[in-house]
């Protein structure tokens, strides 16, 4: 099941709300795989690395 960048930011605990996540993405404060990502609805793939406020999060499948 695909997850969007905003959903991932909320799920990971990087932000508290979807609105906060959207604001951060649109302000250019979020990177995807080392590049700024301004698309809040960007679908993430396995092994993507999301960076926000000097913290990296990697999308992996749990066993």
PDB file of N, CA and C in Angstrom:
ATOM      1  N   UNK A   1       0.839  -1.176   0.000  1.00  0.00           N
ATOM      2  CA  UNK A   1       0.000   0.000   0.000  1.00  0.00           C
ATOM      3  C   UNK A   1       0.888   1.244   0.000  1.00  0.00           C
ATOM      4  N   UNK A   2       0.724   2.115  -0.983  1.00  0.00           N
ATOM      5  CA  UNK A   2       1.545   3.328  -1.023  1.00  0.00           C
ATOM      6  C   UNK A   2       1.181   4.275   0.117  1.00  0.00           C
ATOM      7  N   UNK A   3       2.161   5.032   0.535  1.00  0.00           N
ATOM      8  CA  UNK A   3       1.958   6.048   1.568  1.00  0.00           C
ATOM      9  C   UNK A   3       2.506   7.356   1.019  1.00  0.00           C
ATOM     10  N   UNK A   4       1.811   8.456   1.322  1.00  0.00           N
ATOM     11  CA  UNK A   4       2.268   9.751   0.835  1.00  0.00           C
ATOM     12  C   UNK A   4       3.295  10.323   1.803  1.00  0.00           C
ATOM     13  N   UNK A   5       4.004  11.320   1.328  1.00  0.00           N
ATOM     14  CA  UNK A   5       5.012  11.988   2.145  1.00  0.00           C
ATOM     15  C   UNK A   5       4.388  12.559   3.412  1.00  0.00           C
ATOM     16  N   UNK A   6       3.252  13.220   3.296  1.00  0.00           N
ATOM     17  CA  UNK A   6       2.587  13.807   4.462  1.00  0.00           C
ATOM     18  C   UNK A   6       2.160  12.718   5.449  1.00  0.00           C
ATOM     19  N   UNK A   7       1.583  11.639   4.941  1.00  0.00           N
ATOM     20  CA  UNK A   7       1.171  10.536   5.815  1.00  0.00           C
ATOM     21  C   UNK A   7       2.377   9.960   6.555  1.00  0.00           C
ATOM     22  N   UNK A   8       3.481   9.807   5.837  1.00  0.00           N
ATOM     23  CA  UNK A   8       4.681   9.251   6.444  1.00  0.00           C
ATOM     24  C   UNK A   8       5.224  10.163   7.536  1.00  0.00           C
ATOM     25  N   UNK A   9       5.242  11.461   7.283  1.00  0.00           N
ATOM     26  CA  UNK A   9       5.737  12.403   8.287  1.00  0.00           C
ATOM     27  C   UNK A   9       4.905  12.323   9.562  1.00  0.00           C
ATOM     28  N   UNK A  10       3.600  12.191   9.407  1.00  0.00           N
ATOM     29  CA  UNK A  10       2.719  12.053  10.569  1.00  0.00           C
ATOM     30  C   UNK A  10       2.959  10.720  11.273  1.00  0.00           C
ATOM     31  N   UNK A  11       2.980   9.640  10.511  1.00  0.00           N
ATOM     32  CA  UNK A  11       3.148   8.295  11.068  1.00  0.00           C
ATOM     33  C   UNK A  11       4.479   8.142  11.797  1.00  0.00           C
ATOM     34  N   UNK A  12       5.529   8.735  11.250  1.00  0.00           N
ATOM     35  CA  UNK A  12       6.865   8.599  11.837  1.00  0.00           C
ATOM     36  C   UNK A  12       7.029   9.427  13.108  1.00  0.00           C
ATOM     37  N   UNK A  13       6.125  10.368  13.332  1.00  0.00           N
ATOM     38  CA  UNK A  13       6.235  11.234  14.500  1.00  0.00           C
ATOM     39  C   UNK A  13       7.084  12.466  14.247  1.00  0.00           C
ATOM     40  N   UNK A  14       7.489  12.682  12.996  1.00  0.00           N
ATOM     41  CA  UNK A  14       8.294  13.855  12.662  1.00  0.00           C
ATOM     42  C   UNK A  14       7.475  15.134  12.839  1.00  0.00           C
ATOM     43  N   UNK A  15       6.155  15.025  12.682  1.00  0.00           N
ATOM     44  CA  UNK A  15       5.231  16.140  12.888  1.00  0.00           C
ATOM     45  C   UNK A  15       4.015  15.617  13.649  1.00  0.00           C
ATOM     46  N   UNK A  16       3.239  16.540  14.174  1.00  0.00           N
ATOM     47  CA  UNK A  16       2.053  16.133  14.940  1.00  0.00           C
ATOM     48  C   UNK A  16       0.791  16.057  14.088  1.00  0.00           C
ATOM     49  N   UNK A  17       0.702  16.914  13.064  1.00  0.00           N
ATOM     50  CA  UNK A  17      -0.523  16.965  12.259  1.00  0.00           C
ATOM     51  C   UNK A  17      -0.198  16.966  10.771  1.00  0.00           C
ATOM     52  N   UNK A  18      -1.210  16.591   9.982  1.00  0.00           N
ATOM     53  CA  UNK A  18      -1.048  16.641   8.536  1.00  0.00           C
ATOM     54  C   UNK A  18      -0.859  18.056   8.039  1.00  0.00           C
ATOM     55  N   UNK A  19      -1.538  19.006   8.683  1.00  0.00           N
ATOM     56  CA  UNK A  19      -1.383  20.409   8.300  1.00  0.00           C
ATOM     57  C   UNK A  19       0.034  20.896   8.510  1.00  0.00           C
ATOM     58  N   UNK A  20       0.618  20.501   9.630  1.00  0.00           N
ATOM     59  CA  UNK A  20       2.010  20.879   9.912  1.00  0.00           C
ATOM     60  C   UNK A  20       2.936  20.249   8.871  1.00  0.00           C
ATOM     61  N   UNK A  21       2.665  18.999   8.509  1.00  0.00           N
ATOM     62  CA  UNK A  21       3.485  18.320   7.503  1.00  0.00           C
ATOM     63  C   UNK A  21       3.410  19.039   6.167  1.00  0.00           C
ATOM     64  N   UNK A  22       2.208  19.408   5.746  1.00  0.00           N
ATOM     65  CA  UNK A  22       2.037  20.114   4.469  1.00  0.00           C
ATOM     66  C   UNK A  22       2.777  21.448   4.475  1.00  0.00           C
ATOM     67  N   UNK A  23       2.683  22.175   5.569  1.00  0.00           N
ATOM     68  CA  UNK A  23       3.378  23.458   5.671  1.00  0.00           C
ATOM     69  C   UNK A  23       4.886  23.267   5.524  1.00  0.00           C
ATOM     70  N   UNK A  24       5.429  22.264   6.195  1.00  0.00           N
ATOM     71  CA  UNK A  24       6.873  22.013   6.130  1.00  0.00           C
ATOM     72  C   UNK A  24       7.303  21.613   4.728  1.00  0.00           C
ATOM     73  N   UNK A  25       6.511  20.772   4.070  1.00  0.00           N
ATOM     74  CA  UNK A  25       6.832  20.344   2.706  1.00  0.00           C
ATOM     75  C   UNK A  25       6.804  21.542   1.771  1.00  0.00           C
ATOM     76  N   UNK A  26       5.738  22.328   1.827  1.00  0.00           N
ATOM     77  CA  UNK A  26       5.597  23.482   0.928  1.00  0.00           C
ATOM     78  C   UNK A  26       6.639  24.559   1.200  1.00  0.00           C
ATOM     79  N   UNK A  27       7.188  24.607   2.419  1.00  0.00           N
ATOM     80  CA  UNK A  27       8.230  25.576   2.766  1.00  0.00           C
ATOM     81  C   UNK A  27       9.620  25.080   2.371  1.00  0.00           C
ATOM     82  N   UNK A  28       9.707  23.862   1.818  1.00  0.00           N
ATOM     83  CA  UNK A  28      10.993  23.325   1.385  1.00  0.00           C
ATOM     84  C   UNK A  28      11.844  22.773   2.514  1.00  0.00           C
ATOM     85  N   UNK A  29      11.203  22.426   3.622  1.00  0.00           N
ATOM     86  CA  UNK A  29      11.932  21.928   4.793  1.00  0.00           C
ATOM     87  C   UNK A  29      12.092  20.411   4.801  1.00  0.00           C
ATOM     88  N   UNK A  30      11.591  19.739   3.770  1.00  0.00           N
ATOM     89  CA  UNK A  30      11.626  18.277   3.717  1.00  0.00           C
ATOM     90  C   UNK A  30      12.355  17.837   2.456  1.00  0.00           C
ATOM     91  N   UNK A  31      13.246  16.860   2.609  1.00  0.00           N
ATOM     92  CA  UNK A  31      13.969  16.297   1.472  1.00  0.00           C
ATOM     93  C   UNK A  31      13.592  14.837   1.305  1.00  0.00           C
ATOM     94  N   UNK A  32      13.588  14.393   0.065  1.00  0.00           N
ATOM     95  CA  UNK A  32      13.336  12.994  -0.266  1.00  0.00           C
ATOM     96  C   UNK A  32      14.532  12.487  -1.046  1.00  0.00           C
ATOM     97  N   UNK A  33      15.212  11.512  -0.474  1.00  0.00           N
ATOM     98  CA  UNK A  33      16.406  10.939  -1.098  1.00  0.00           C
ATOM     99  C   UNK A  33      17.453  12.004  -1.430  1.00  0.00           C
ATOM    100  N   UNK A  34      17.608  12.947  -0.495  1.00  0.00           N
ATOM    101  CA  UNK A  34      18.655  13.958  -0.626  1.00  0.00           C
ATOM    102  C   UNK A  34      18.288  15.178  -1.438  1.00  0.00           C
ATOM    103  N   UNK A  35      17.057  15.241  -1.965  1.00  0.00           N
ATOM    104  CA  UNK A  35      16.639  16.382  -2.776  1.00  0.00           C
ATOM    105  C   UNK A  35      15.387  16.994  -2.173  1.00  0.00           C
ATOM    106  N   UNK A  36      15.285  18.323  -2.180  1.00  0.00           N
ATOM    107  CA  UNK A  36      14.073  18.958  -1.649  1.00  0.00           C
ATOM    108  C   UNK A  36      12.831  18.428  -2.366  1.00  0.00           C
ATOM    109  N   UNK A  37      11.780  18.183  -1.611  1.00  0.00           N
ATOM    110  CA  UNK A  37      10.527  17.697  -2.179  1.00  0.00           C
ATOM    111  C   UNK A  37       9.409  18.640  -1.768  1.00  0.00           C
ATOM    112  N   UNK A  38       8.751  19.241  -2.742  1.00  0.00           N
ATOM    113  CA  UNK A  38       7.679  20.197  -2.483  1.00  0.00           C
ATOM    114  C   UNK A  38       6.300  19.596  -2.735  1.00  0.00           C
ATOM    115  N   UNK A  39       6.242  18.303  -3.022  1.00  0.00           N
ATOM    116  CA  UNK A  39       4.980  17.630  -3.321  1.00  0.00           C
ATOM    117  C   UNK A  39       4.492  16.863  -2.102  1.00  0.00           C
ATOM    118  N   UNK A  40       3.518  17.446  -1.397  1.00  0.00           N
ATOM    119  CA  UNK A  40       2.999  16.818  -0.180  1.00  0.00           C
ATOM    120  C   UNK A  40       2.385  15.452  -0.459  1.00  0.00           C
ATOM    121  N   UNK A  41       1.823  15.263  -1.644  1.00  0.00           N
ATOM    122  CA  UNK A  41       1.186  13.998  -1.993  1.00  0.00           C
ATOM    123  C   UNK A  41       2.115  12.998  -2.651  1.00  0.00           C
ATOM    124  N   UNK A  42       3.424  13.288  -2.652  1.00  0.00           N
ATOM    125  CA  UNK A  42       4.407  12.390  -3.260  1.00  0.00           C
ATOM    126  C   UNK A  42       4.291  10.996  -2.660  1.00  0.00           C
ATOM    127  N   UNK A  43       4.133   9.980  -3.508  1.00  0.00           N
ATOM    128  CA  UNK A  43       4.064   8.594  -3.041  1.00  0.00           C
ATOM    129  C   UNK A  43       5.482   8.107  -2.749  1.00  0.00           C
ATOM    130  N   UNK A  44       5.659   7.452  -1.620  1.00  0.00           N
ATOM    131  CA  UNK A  44       6.967   6.942  -1.233  1.00  0.00           C
ATOM    132  C   UNK A  44       7.116   5.483  -1.644  1.00  0.00           C
ATOM    133  N   UNK A  45       8.353   5.095  -1.884  1.00  0.00           N
ATOM    134  CA  UNK A  45       8.700   3.724  -2.245  1.00  0.00           C
ATOM    135  C   UNK A  45       9.572   3.142  -1.141  1.00  0.00           C
ATOM    136  N   UNK A  46       9.679   1.820  -1.105  1.00  0.00           N
ATOM    137  CA  UNK A  46      10.566   1.180  -0.136  1.00  0.00           C
ATOM    138  C   UNK A  46      11.977   1.731  -0.269  1.00  0.00           C
ATOM    139  N   UNK A  47      12.632   1.920   0.849  1.00  0.00           N
ATOM    140  CA  UNK A  47      14.002   2.409   0.955  1.00  0.00           C
ATOM    141  C   UNK A  47      14.166   3.902   0.663  1.00  0.00           C
ATOM    142  N   UNK A  48      13.067   4.623   0.447  1.00  0.00           N
ATOM    143  CA  UNK A  48      13.167   6.075   0.334  1.00  0.00           C
ATOM    144  C   UNK A  48      13.639   6.634   1.675  1.00  0.00           C
ATOM    145  N   UNK A  49      14.419   7.703   1.612  1.00  0.00           N
ATOM    146  CA  UNK A  49      14.894   8.368   2.828  1.00  0.00           C
ATOM    147  C   UNK A  49      14.301   9.768   2.860  1.00  0.00           C
ATOM    148  N   UNK A  50      13.547  10.043   3.914  1.00  0.00           N
ATOM    149  CA  UNK A  50      12.917  11.343   4.120  1.00  0.00           C
ATOM    150  C   UNK A  50      13.713  12.068   5.195  1.00  0.00           C
ATOM    151  N   UNK A  51      14.106  13.298   4.915  1.00  0.00           N
ATOM    152  CA  UNK A  51      14.884  14.097   5.874  1.00  0.00           C
ATOM    153  C   UNK A  51      14.094  15.344   6.244  1.00  0.00           C
ATOM    154  N   UNK A  52      14.008  15.579   7.564  1.00  0.00           N
ATOM    155  CA  UNK A  52      13.338  16.771   8.069  1.00  0.00           C
ATOM    156  C   UNK A  52      14.021  17.188   9.358  1.00  0.00           C
ATOM    157  N   UNK A  53      14.372  18.466   9.448  1.00  0.00           N
ATOM    158  CA  UNK A  53      15.030  19.021  10.629  1.00  0.00           C
ATOM    159  C   UNK A  53      16.225  18.172  11.090  1.00  0.00           C
ATOM    160  N   UNK A  54      17.137  17.895  10.174  1.00  0.00           N
ATOM    161  CA  UNK A  54      18.371  17.146  10.465  1.00  0.00           C
ATOM    162  C   UNK A  54      18.135  15.738  10.982  1.00  0.00           C
ATOM    163  N   UNK A  55      16.966  15.189  10.689  1.00  0.00           N
ATOM    164  CA  UNK A  55      16.645  13.818  11.085  1.00  0.00           C
ATOM    165  C   UNK A  55      16.281  13.044   9.827  1.00  0.00           C
ATOM    166  N   UNK A  56      16.852  11.844   9.662  1.00  0.00           N
ATOM    167  CA  UNK A  56      16.554  11.000   8.507  1.00  0.00           C
ATOM    168  C   UNK A  56      15.630   9.866   8.914  1.00  0.00           C
ATOM    169  N   UNK A  57      14.680   9.560   8.039  1.00  0.00           N
ATOM    170  CA  UNK A  57      13.740   8.456   8.236  1.00  0.00           C
ATOM    171  C   UNK A  57      13.769   7.611   6.967  1.00  0.00           C
ATOM    172  N   UNK A  58      13.894   6.287   7.105  1.00  0.00           N
ATOM    173  CA  UNK A  58      13.935   5.400   5.958  1.00  0.00           C
ATOM    174  C   UNK A  58      12.695   4.523   5.961  1.00  0.00           C
ATOM    175  N   UNK A  59      12.050   4.433   4.803  1.00  0.00           N
ATOM    176  CA  UNK A  59      10.846   3.623   4.668  1.00  0.00           C
ATOM    177  C   UNK A  59      11.254   2.175   4.392  1.00  0.00           C
ATOM    178  N   UNK A  60      10.962   1.295   5.345  1.00  0.00           N
ATOM    179  CA  UNK A  60      11.280  -0.128   5.206  1.00  0.00           C
ATOM    180  C   UNK A  60      10.052  -0.955   5.595  1.00  0.00           C
ATOM    181  N   UNK A  61      10.047  -2.203   5.192  1.00  0.00           N
ATOM    182  CA  UNK A  61       8.978  -3.131   5.560  1.00  0.00           C
ATOM    183  C   UNK A  61       9.371  -3.862   6.833  1.00  0.00           C
ATOM    184  N   UNK A  62       8.473  -3.906   7.778  1.00  0.00           N
ATOM    185  CA  UNK A  62       8.736  -4.661   9.013  1.00  0.00           C
ATOM    186  C   UNK A  62       8.387  -6.137   8.770  1.00  0.00           C
ATOM    187  N   UNK A  63       9.083  -7.014   9.449  1.00  0.00           N
ATOM    188  CA  UNK A  63       8.788  -8.456   9.337  1.00  0.00           C
ATOM    189  C   UNK A  63       7.508  -8.800  10.029  1.00  0.00           C
TER     190      UNK A  63
END
